């Protein structure tokens, strides 16, 4: 008979752990970063190169904006942000998470509007993804159309 209270206590304890784990998972998903609302009609685009361009391995890229200000990532003023260049990106980074900083996601957190990037010979896609001071996309995302360049 003594085993019944022990089994009951074990079940209550296990149930408490399961609830705590569920609360932790809910809390973790709630900590996803909220996306700042994009200014109406804000857009980003490539000034250079043009879509379909034949280029050398060192490609000069120039970024343009309309309806939003480019500032360094250290400036958290609402309605401003900075560029990220996606190289051969298949899809946009997930909303509510910082844009990755790796070989295919270049950050321009100092407010740069141009750069020279080195690409291997072949065909590549480029896309701009404008982020806020936290490197998070706006809602809706402010992205350029993808362009294609052919590297000799």
N, C-alpha and C. Protein backbone atom coordinates (compact mmCIF):
# COMPACT_ATOMS: atom_id res chain seq x y z
N UNK A 1 0.81 -1.20 0.00
CA UNK A 1 0.00 0.00 0.00
C UNK A 1 0.85 1.27 0.00
N UNK A 2 2.04 1.14 0.53
CA UNK A 2 2.91 2.30 0.57
C UNK A 2 3.31 2.76 -0.83
N UNK A 3 3.30 1.87 -1.79
CA UNK A 3 3.75 2.23 -3.12
C UNK A 3 2.76 3.16 -3.83
N UNK A 4 1.48 3.13 -3.49
CA UNK A 4 0.49 4.01 -4.13
C UNK A 4 0.81 5.48 -3.87
N UNK A 5 1.07 5.92 -2.65
CA UNK A 5 1.41 7.33 -2.45
C UNK A 5 2.70 7.70 -3.18
N UNK A 6 3.67 6.80 -3.24
CA UNK A 6 4.91 7.09 -3.96
C UNK A 6 4.67 7.23 -5.45
N UNK A 7 3.83 6.35 -6.00
CA UNK A 7 3.51 6.43 -7.43
C UNK A 7 2.74 7.72 -7.70
N UNK A 8 1.81 8.06 -6.86
CA UNK A 8 1.05 9.30 -7.02
C UNK A 8 1.97 10.51 -6.97
N UNK A 9 2.89 10.51 -6.03
CA UNK A 9 3.82 11.63 -5.90
C UNK A 9 4.71 11.72 -7.15
N UNK A 10 5.14 10.58 -7.66
CA UNK A 10 5.99 10.57 -8.86
C UNK A 10 5.21 11.12 -10.05
N UNK A 11 3.95 10.75 -10.20
CA UNK A 11 3.13 11.25 -11.30
C UNK A 11 2.92 12.76 -11.20
N UNK A 12 2.67 13.25 -10.01
CA UNK A 12 2.49 14.70 -9.82
C UNK A 12 3.79 15.43 -10.16
N UNK A 13 4.91 14.89 -9.70
CA UNK A 13 6.20 15.49 -9.98
C UNK A 13 6.49 15.50 -11.48
N UNK A 14 6.24 14.38 -12.16
CA UNK A 14 6.47 14.30 -13.61
C UNK A 14 5.57 15.27 -14.35
N UNK A 15 4.33 15.40 -13.90
CA UNK A 15 3.40 16.33 -14.53
C UNK A 15 3.90 17.76 -14.38
N UNK A 16 4.45 18.08 -13.23
CA UNK A 16 5.00 19.42 -13.00
C UNK A 16 6.18 19.71 -13.92
N UNK A 17 7.05 18.71 -14.12
CA UNK A 17 8.19 18.89 -15.03
C UNK A 17 7.70 19.11 -16.46
N UNK A 18 6.69 18.38 -16.87
CA UNK A 18 6.16 18.52 -18.24
C UNK A 18 5.58 19.91 -18.44
N UNK A 19 4.86 20.42 -17.45
CA UNK A 19 4.30 21.77 -17.55
C UNK A 19 5.41 22.82 -17.60
N UNK A 20 6.43 22.63 -16.78
CA UNK A 20 7.55 23.58 -16.78
C UNK A 20 8.27 23.58 -18.12
N UNK A 21 8.44 22.41 -18.71
CA UNK A 21 9.09 22.34 -20.02
C UNK A 21 8.25 23.03 -21.08
N UNK A 22 6.93 22.84 -21.02
CA UNK A 22 6.04 23.49 -21.99
C UNK A 22 6.09 25.01 -21.80
N UNK A 23 6.08 25.48 -20.56
CA UNK A 23 6.17 26.92 -20.30
C UNK A 23 7.48 27.49 -20.81
N UNK A 24 8.58 26.74 -20.66
CA UNK A 24 9.87 27.22 -21.15
C UNK A 24 9.87 27.32 -22.67
N UNK A 25 9.25 26.34 -23.34
CA UNK A 25 9.19 26.38 -24.81
C UNK A 25 8.33 27.55 -25.27
N UNK A 26 7.22 27.78 -24.60
CA UNK A 26 6.36 28.91 -24.96
C UNK A 26 7.09 30.22 -24.73
N UNK A 27 7.83 30.32 -23.62
CA UNK A 27 8.58 31.52 -23.31
C UNK A 27 9.67 31.76 -24.36
N UNK A 28 10.35 30.70 -24.80
CA UNK A 28 11.41 30.85 -25.79
C UNK A 28 10.84 31.36 -27.11
N UNK A 29 9.69 30.85 -27.53
CA UNK A 29 9.13 31.32 -28.79
C UNK A 29 8.61 32.75 -28.64
N UNK A 30 8.21 33.14 -27.44
CA UNK A 30 7.73 34.50 -27.22
C UNK A 30 8.88 35.50 -27.24
N UNK A 31 10.13 35.02 -27.04
CA UNK A 31 11.25 35.93 -27.03
C UNK A 31 11.78 36.22 -28.43
N UNK A 32 11.15 35.65 -29.46
CA UNK A 32 11.55 36.00 -30.83
C UNK A 32 11.40 37.51 -30.97
N UNK A 33 12.30 38.11 -31.70
CA UNK A 33 12.30 39.57 -31.83
C UNK A 33 11.11 40.02 -32.67
N UNK A 34 10.44 41.04 -32.22
CA UNK A 34 9.33 41.56 -33.02
C UNK A 34 9.91 42.42 -34.13
N UNK A 35 9.21 42.42 -35.25
CA UNK A 35 9.68 43.17 -36.41
C UNK A 35 9.11 44.58 -36.37
N UNK A 36 9.98 45.56 -36.58
CA UNK A 36 9.56 46.95 -36.67
C UNK A 36 8.74 47.12 -37.95
N UNK A 37 7.68 47.91 -37.87
CA UNK A 37 6.86 48.17 -39.05
C UNK A 37 7.68 48.96 -40.07
N UNK A 38 7.61 48.52 -41.32
CA UNK A 38 8.33 49.22 -42.39
C UNK A 38 7.63 50.52 -42.72
N UNK A 39 8.39 51.58 -42.97
CA UNK A 39 7.76 52.82 -43.43
C UNK A 39 7.01 52.56 -44.74
N UNK A 40 5.86 53.21 -44.93
CA UNK A 40 5.12 52.99 -46.17
C UNK A 40 5.97 53.33 -47.38
N UNK A 41 5.91 52.50 -48.38
CA UNK A 41 6.58 52.72 -49.67
C UNK A 41 8.10 52.69 -49.60
N UNK A 42 8.70 52.20 -48.50
CA UNK A 42 10.16 52.09 -48.42
C UNK A 42 10.61 50.98 -49.37
N UNK A 43 11.74 51.22 -50.04
CA UNK A 43 12.27 50.21 -50.95
C UNK A 43 13.79 50.30 -51.01
N UNK A 44 14.40 49.19 -51.40
CA UNK A 44 15.84 49.13 -51.64
C UNK A 44 16.05 48.54 -53.02
N UNK A 45 17.18 48.91 -53.63
CA UNK A 45 17.44 48.45 -54.99
C UNK A 45 18.94 48.53 -55.27
N UNK A 46 19.35 47.88 -56.34
CA UNK A 46 20.75 47.95 -56.78
C UNK A 46 20.91 49.09 -57.76
N UNK A 47 21.87 49.97 -57.49
CA UNK A 47 22.28 50.99 -58.45
C UNK A 47 23.22 50.32 -59.45
N UNK A 48 24.10 49.45 -58.92
CA UNK A 48 25.03 48.68 -59.75
C UNK A 48 25.36 47.41 -58.99
N UNK A 49 25.59 46.33 -59.68
CA UNK A 49 25.50 46.13 -61.12
C UNK A 49 24.05 45.98 -61.56
N UNK A 50 23.85 45.99 -62.83
CA UNK A 50 22.51 45.79 -63.39
C UNK A 50 22.23 44.29 -63.48
N UNK A 51 20.96 43.94 -63.45
CA UNK A 51 20.56 42.54 -63.59
C UNK A 51 21.07 41.99 -64.91
N UNK A 52 21.69 40.82 -64.85
CA UNK A 52 22.20 40.17 -66.05
C UNK A 52 23.60 40.60 -66.46
N UNK A 53 24.23 41.47 -65.68
CA UNK A 53 25.55 42.00 -66.03
C UNK A 53 26.62 40.90 -66.04
N UNK A 54 27.57 41.06 -66.95
CA UNK A 54 28.79 40.25 -66.97
C UNK A 54 29.84 41.04 -66.21
N UNK A 55 30.41 40.44 -65.18
CA UNK A 55 31.32 41.16 -64.30
C UNK A 55 32.57 40.34 -64.04
N UNK A 56 33.60 41.01 -63.53
CA UNK A 56 34.81 40.32 -63.08
C UNK A 56 34.58 39.74 -61.69
N UNK A 57 35.59 39.09 -61.15
CA UNK A 57 35.45 38.45 -59.84
C UNK A 57 35.30 39.45 -58.70
N UNK A 58 35.84 40.64 -58.84
CA UNK A 58 35.67 41.68 -57.83
C UNK A 58 34.56 42.61 -58.33
N UNK A 59 33.40 42.46 -57.73
CA UNK A 59 32.18 43.13 -58.20
C UNK A 59 31.89 44.34 -57.33
N UNK A 60 31.81 45.51 -57.96
CA UNK A 60 31.43 46.69 -57.20
C UNK A 60 29.90 46.73 -57.15
N UNK A 61 29.36 46.73 -55.91
CA UNK A 61 27.92 46.81 -55.72
C UNK A 61 27.60 48.15 -55.07
N UNK A 62 26.54 48.78 -55.57
CA UNK A 62 26.06 50.05 -55.00
C UNK A 62 24.59 49.87 -54.68
N UNK A 63 24.22 50.30 -53.46
CA UNK A 63 22.87 50.10 -52.97
C UNK A 63 22.10 51.40 -52.96
N UNK A 64 20.84 51.35 -53.33
CA UNK A 64 19.97 52.52 -53.27
C UNK A 64 18.80 52.27 -52.33
N UNK A 65 18.24 53.36 -51.80
CA UNK A 65 17.06 53.28 -50.93
C UNK A 65 16.08 54.37 -51.33
N UNK A 66 14.84 54.14 -50.98
CA UNK A 66 13.80 55.14 -51.18
C UNK A 66 12.82 55.02 -50.01
N UNK A 67 12.52 56.15 -49.38
CA UNK A 67 11.52 56.15 -48.31
C UNK A 67 11.99 55.68 -46.95
N UNK A 68 13.30 55.53 -46.78
CA UNK A 68 13.85 55.13 -45.49
C UNK A 68 15.30 55.61 -45.45
N UNK A 69 15.80 55.92 -44.27
CA UNK A 69 17.17 56.43 -44.12
C UNK A 69 18.13 55.30 -43.77
N UNK A 70 19.33 55.38 -44.35
CA UNK A 70 20.40 54.45 -44.04
C UNK A 70 21.24 55.06 -42.92
N UNK A 71 21.40 54.30 -41.83
CA UNK A 71 22.19 54.75 -40.69
C UNK A 71 23.01 53.57 -40.17
N UNK A 72 24.06 53.82 -39.39
CA UNK A 72 24.79 52.70 -38.78
C UNK A 72 23.90 51.91 -37.82
N UNK A 73 24.24 50.66 -37.63
CA UNK A 73 23.46 49.79 -36.73
C UNK A 73 23.46 50.30 -35.30
N UNK A 74 24.39 51.18 -34.95
CA UNK A 74 24.43 51.73 -33.60
C UNK A 74 23.34 52.79 -33.38
N UNK A 75 22.68 53.21 -34.46
CA UNK A 75 21.61 54.20 -34.38
C UNK A 75 20.27 53.47 -34.41
N UNK A 76 19.58 53.44 -33.28
CA UNK A 76 18.33 52.69 -33.16
C UNK A 76 17.09 53.55 -33.43
N UNK A 77 17.26 54.67 -34.13
CA UNK A 77 16.12 55.54 -34.43
C UNK A 77 15.09 54.76 -35.25
N UNK A 78 13.82 54.77 -34.82
CA UNK A 78 12.79 54.05 -35.58
C UNK A 78 12.71 54.54 -37.02
N UNK A 79 12.39 53.61 -37.92
CA UNK A 79 12.23 53.97 -39.32
C UNK A 79 13.53 54.15 -40.06
N UNK A 80 14.63 53.64 -39.50
CA UNK A 80 15.94 53.70 -40.16
C UNK A 80 16.55 52.31 -40.12
N UNK A 81 17.61 52.11 -40.89
CA UNK A 81 18.26 50.80 -40.86
C UNK A 81 19.49 50.78 -41.73
N UNK A 82 19.92 49.58 -42.06
CA UNK A 82 21.13 49.40 -42.85
C UNK A 82 20.98 48.18 -43.76
N UNK A 83 21.87 48.10 -44.74
CA UNK A 83 21.80 47.05 -45.75
C UNK A 83 22.42 45.73 -45.30
N UNK A 84 21.90 44.66 -45.89
CA UNK A 84 22.48 43.32 -45.82
C UNK A 84 22.44 42.80 -47.25
N UNK A 85 23.52 42.21 -47.71
CA UNK A 85 23.59 41.67 -49.05
C UNK A 85 23.52 40.15 -48.97
N UNK A 86 22.52 39.59 -49.63
CA UNK A 86 22.35 38.14 -49.69
C UNK A 86 22.95 37.65 -51.00
N UNK A 87 23.94 36.78 -50.91
CA UNK A 87 24.62 36.24 -52.08
C UNK A 87 24.18 34.79 -52.26
N UNK A 88 23.56 34.52 -53.39
CA UNK A 88 23.07 33.18 -53.72
C UNK A 88 22.10 32.65 -52.67
N UNK A 89 21.32 33.55 -52.08
CA UNK A 89 20.34 33.15 -51.07
C UNK A 89 19.13 32.48 -51.71
N UNK A 90 18.72 31.37 -51.16
CA UNK A 90 17.54 30.66 -51.68
C UNK A 90 16.25 31.26 -51.14
N UNK A 91 16.30 31.71 -49.88
CA UNK A 91 15.11 32.31 -49.26
C UNK A 91 15.57 33.35 -48.25
N UNK A 92 14.63 34.19 -47.84
CA UNK A 92 14.94 35.22 -46.85
C UNK A 92 15.13 34.58 -45.47
N UNK A 93 15.92 35.22 -44.62
CA UNK A 93 16.05 34.73 -43.24
C UNK A 93 14.67 34.75 -42.56
N UNK A 94 14.49 33.95 -41.52
CA UNK A 94 13.20 33.94 -40.82
C UNK A 94 12.88 35.28 -40.17
N UNK A 95 11.61 35.65 -40.21
CA UNK A 95 11.18 36.88 -39.53
C UNK A 95 11.35 36.70 -38.03
N UNK A 96 11.65 37.78 -37.34
CA UNK A 96 11.75 37.73 -35.89
C UNK A 96 13.09 37.21 -35.39
N UNK A 97 14.03 36.98 -36.30
CA UNK A 97 15.37 36.54 -35.91
C UNK A 97 16.38 37.45 -36.60
N UNK A 98 17.52 37.68 -35.99
CA UNK A 98 18.54 38.49 -36.66
C UNK A 98 18.97 37.86 -37.98
N UNK A 99 19.27 38.72 -38.94
CA UNK A 99 19.79 38.26 -40.22
C UNK A 99 21.16 37.66 -39.94
N UNK A 100 21.43 36.44 -40.42
CA UNK A 100 22.73 35.82 -40.14
C UNK A 100 23.88 36.67 -40.68
N UNK A 101 25.06 36.46 -40.13
CA UNK A 101 26.27 37.12 -40.60
C UNK A 101 27.24 36.02 -41.00
N UNK A 102 27.20 35.67 -42.31
CA UNK A 102 28.05 34.60 -42.81
C UNK A 102 28.41 34.89 -44.27
N UNK A 103 28.96 33.92 -44.95
CA UNK A 103 29.44 34.13 -46.32
C UNK A 103 28.33 34.52 -47.29
N UNK A 104 27.10 34.15 -47.00
CA UNK A 104 26.00 34.48 -47.92
C UNK A 104 25.13 35.63 -47.42
N UNK A 105 25.42 36.16 -46.24
CA UNK A 105 24.68 37.29 -45.67
C UNK A 105 25.70 38.32 -45.19
N UNK A 106 26.01 39.29 -46.02
CA UNK A 106 27.00 40.32 -45.65
C UNK A 106 26.29 41.50 -44.98
N UNK A 107 26.84 41.94 -43.85
CA UNK A 107 26.26 43.05 -43.09
C UNK A 107 26.99 44.36 -43.42
N UNK A 108 26.20 45.41 -43.51
CA UNK A 108 26.75 46.75 -43.73
C UNK A 108 26.29 47.66 -42.59
N UNK A 109 26.63 47.23 -41.37
CA UNK A 109 26.18 47.90 -40.16
C UNK A 109 26.80 49.26 -39.88
N UNK A 110 27.76 49.68 -40.70
CA UNK A 110 28.30 51.03 -40.54
C UNK A 110 27.55 52.03 -41.40
N UNK A 111 26.51 51.54 -42.07
CA UNK A 111 25.71 52.42 -42.93
C UNK A 111 26.25 52.52 -44.35
N UNK A 112 27.10 51.58 -44.74
CA UNK A 112 27.68 51.62 -46.08
C UNK A 112 26.60 51.46 -47.16
N UNK A 113 26.85 52.11 -48.28
CA UNK A 113 25.93 52.01 -49.42
C UNK A 113 26.63 51.46 -50.66
N UNK A 114 27.85 50.97 -50.48
CA UNK A 114 28.55 50.31 -51.58
C UNK A 114 29.66 49.44 -51.02
N UNK A 115 30.12 48.51 -51.86
CA UNK A 115 31.19 47.61 -51.46
C UNK A 115 31.73 46.93 -52.72
N UNK A 116 32.88 46.30 -52.59
CA UNK A 116 33.40 45.42 -53.62
C UNK A 116 33.43 44.02 -53.03
N UNK A 117 32.71 43.10 -53.66
CA UNK A 117 32.64 41.72 -53.17
C UNK A 117 33.33 40.81 -54.17
N UNK A 118 34.00 39.82 -53.65
CA UNK A 118 34.70 38.85 -54.50
C UNK A 118 33.80 37.64 -54.71
N UNK A 119 33.55 37.31 -55.97
CA UNK A 119 32.72 36.16 -56.31
C UNK A 119 33.50 35.21 -57.21
N UNK A 120 33.29 33.92 -57.03
CA UNK A 120 33.92 32.92 -57.88
C UNK A 120 33.26 32.95 -59.26
N UNK A 121 33.99 32.50 -60.31
CA UNK A 121 33.39 32.46 -61.65
C UNK A 121 32.09 31.64 -61.64
N UNK A 122 31.15 32.09 -62.45
CA UNK A 122 29.86 31.42 -62.54
C UNK A 122 28.73 32.42 -62.44
N UNK A 123 27.53 31.93 -62.29
CA UNK A 123 26.35 32.77 -62.18
C UNK A 123 25.93 32.87 -60.72
N UNK A 124 25.66 34.08 -60.27
CA UNK A 124 25.30 34.32 -58.87
C UNK A 124 24.07 35.23 -58.80
N UNK A 125 23.32 35.08 -57.71
CA UNK A 125 22.22 36.01 -57.44
C UNK A 125 22.60 36.90 -56.28
N UNK A 126 22.12 38.13 -56.34
CA UNK A 126 22.32 39.12 -55.28
C UNK A 126 20.97 39.70 -54.90
N UNK A 127 20.77 39.95 -53.62
CA UNK A 127 19.54 40.56 -53.13
C UNK A 127 19.86 41.39 -51.90
N UNK A 128 19.22 42.54 -51.79
CA UNK A 128 19.38 43.39 -50.61
C UNK A 128 18.25 43.10 -49.62
N UNK A 129 18.59 43.07 -48.35
CA UNK A 129 17.63 42.85 -47.27
C UNK A 129 17.93 43.93 -46.23
N UNK A 130 17.03 44.88 -46.06
CA UNK A 130 17.25 46.02 -45.17
C UNK A 130 16.83 45.65 -43.76
N UNK A 131 17.71 45.89 -42.79
CA UNK A 131 17.42 45.53 -41.41
C UNK A 131 17.51 46.72 -40.48
N UNK A 132 16.90 46.57 -39.31
CA UNK A 132 16.94 47.64 -38.30
C UNK A 132 18.24 47.54 -37.49
N UNK A 133 18.35 48.31 -36.44
CA UNK A 133 19.57 48.35 -35.63
C UNK A 133 19.92 46.99 -35.02
N UNK A 134 18.90 46.13 -34.86
CA UNK A 134 19.14 44.80 -34.28
C UNK A 134 19.45 43.76 -35.36
N UNK A 135 19.57 44.20 -36.62
CA UNK A 135 19.79 43.30 -37.77
C UNK A 135 18.57 42.42 -38.02
N UNK A 136 17.39 42.92 -37.69
CA UNK A 136 16.14 42.19 -37.90
C UNK A 136 15.39 42.86 -39.04
N UNK A 137 14.75 42.05 -39.89
CA UNK A 137 13.99 42.58 -41.01
C UNK A 137 12.79 43.39 -40.52
N UNK A 138 12.33 44.27 -41.38
CA UNK A 138 11.13 45.04 -41.11
C UNK A 138 9.90 44.20 -41.44
N UNK A 139 8.74 44.72 -41.05
CA UNK A 139 7.47 44.07 -41.34
C UNK A 139 6.62 45.03 -42.16
N UNK A 140 6.40 44.76 -43.43
CA UNK A 140 6.93 43.64 -44.19
C UNK A 140 8.40 43.86 -44.52
N UNK A 141 9.12 42.77 -44.89
CA UNK A 141 10.54 42.92 -45.20
C UNK A 141 10.77 43.92 -46.34
N UNK A 142 11.84 44.69 -46.21
CA UNK A 142 12.22 45.64 -47.26
C UNK A 142 13.37 44.98 -48.01
N UNK A 143 13.06 44.37 -49.13
CA UNK A 143 14.04 43.64 -49.91
C UNK A 143 14.00 44.08 -51.36
N UNK A 144 15.12 43.95 -52.03
CA UNK A 144 15.18 44.25 -53.45
C UNK A 144 14.77 43.00 -54.23
N UNK A 145 14.42 43.21 -55.49
CA UNK A 145 14.31 42.02 -56.35
C UNK A 145 15.70 41.39 -56.46
N UNK A 146 15.75 40.08 -56.66
CA UNK A 146 17.04 39.41 -56.90
C UNK A 146 17.54 39.83 -58.27
N UNK A 147 18.86 40.03 -58.34
CA UNK A 147 19.49 40.24 -59.64
C UNK A 147 20.46 39.10 -59.86
N UNK A 148 20.78 38.86 -61.11
CA UNK A 148 21.73 37.82 -61.49
C UNK A 148 22.94 38.47 -62.13
N UNK A 149 24.13 38.02 -61.72
CA UNK A 149 25.36 38.48 -62.37
C UNK A 149 26.14 37.26 -62.84
N UNK A 150 26.86 37.44 -63.95
CA UNK A 150 27.67 36.37 -64.53
C UNK A 150 29.13 36.75 -64.36
N UNK A 151 29.84 35.98 -63.54
CA UNK A 151 31.23 36.28 -63.22
C UNK A 151 32.14 35.51 -64.16
N UNK A 152 33.04 36.25 -64.83
CA UNK A 152 34.00 35.63 -65.79
C UNK A 152 35.10 34.92 -65.05
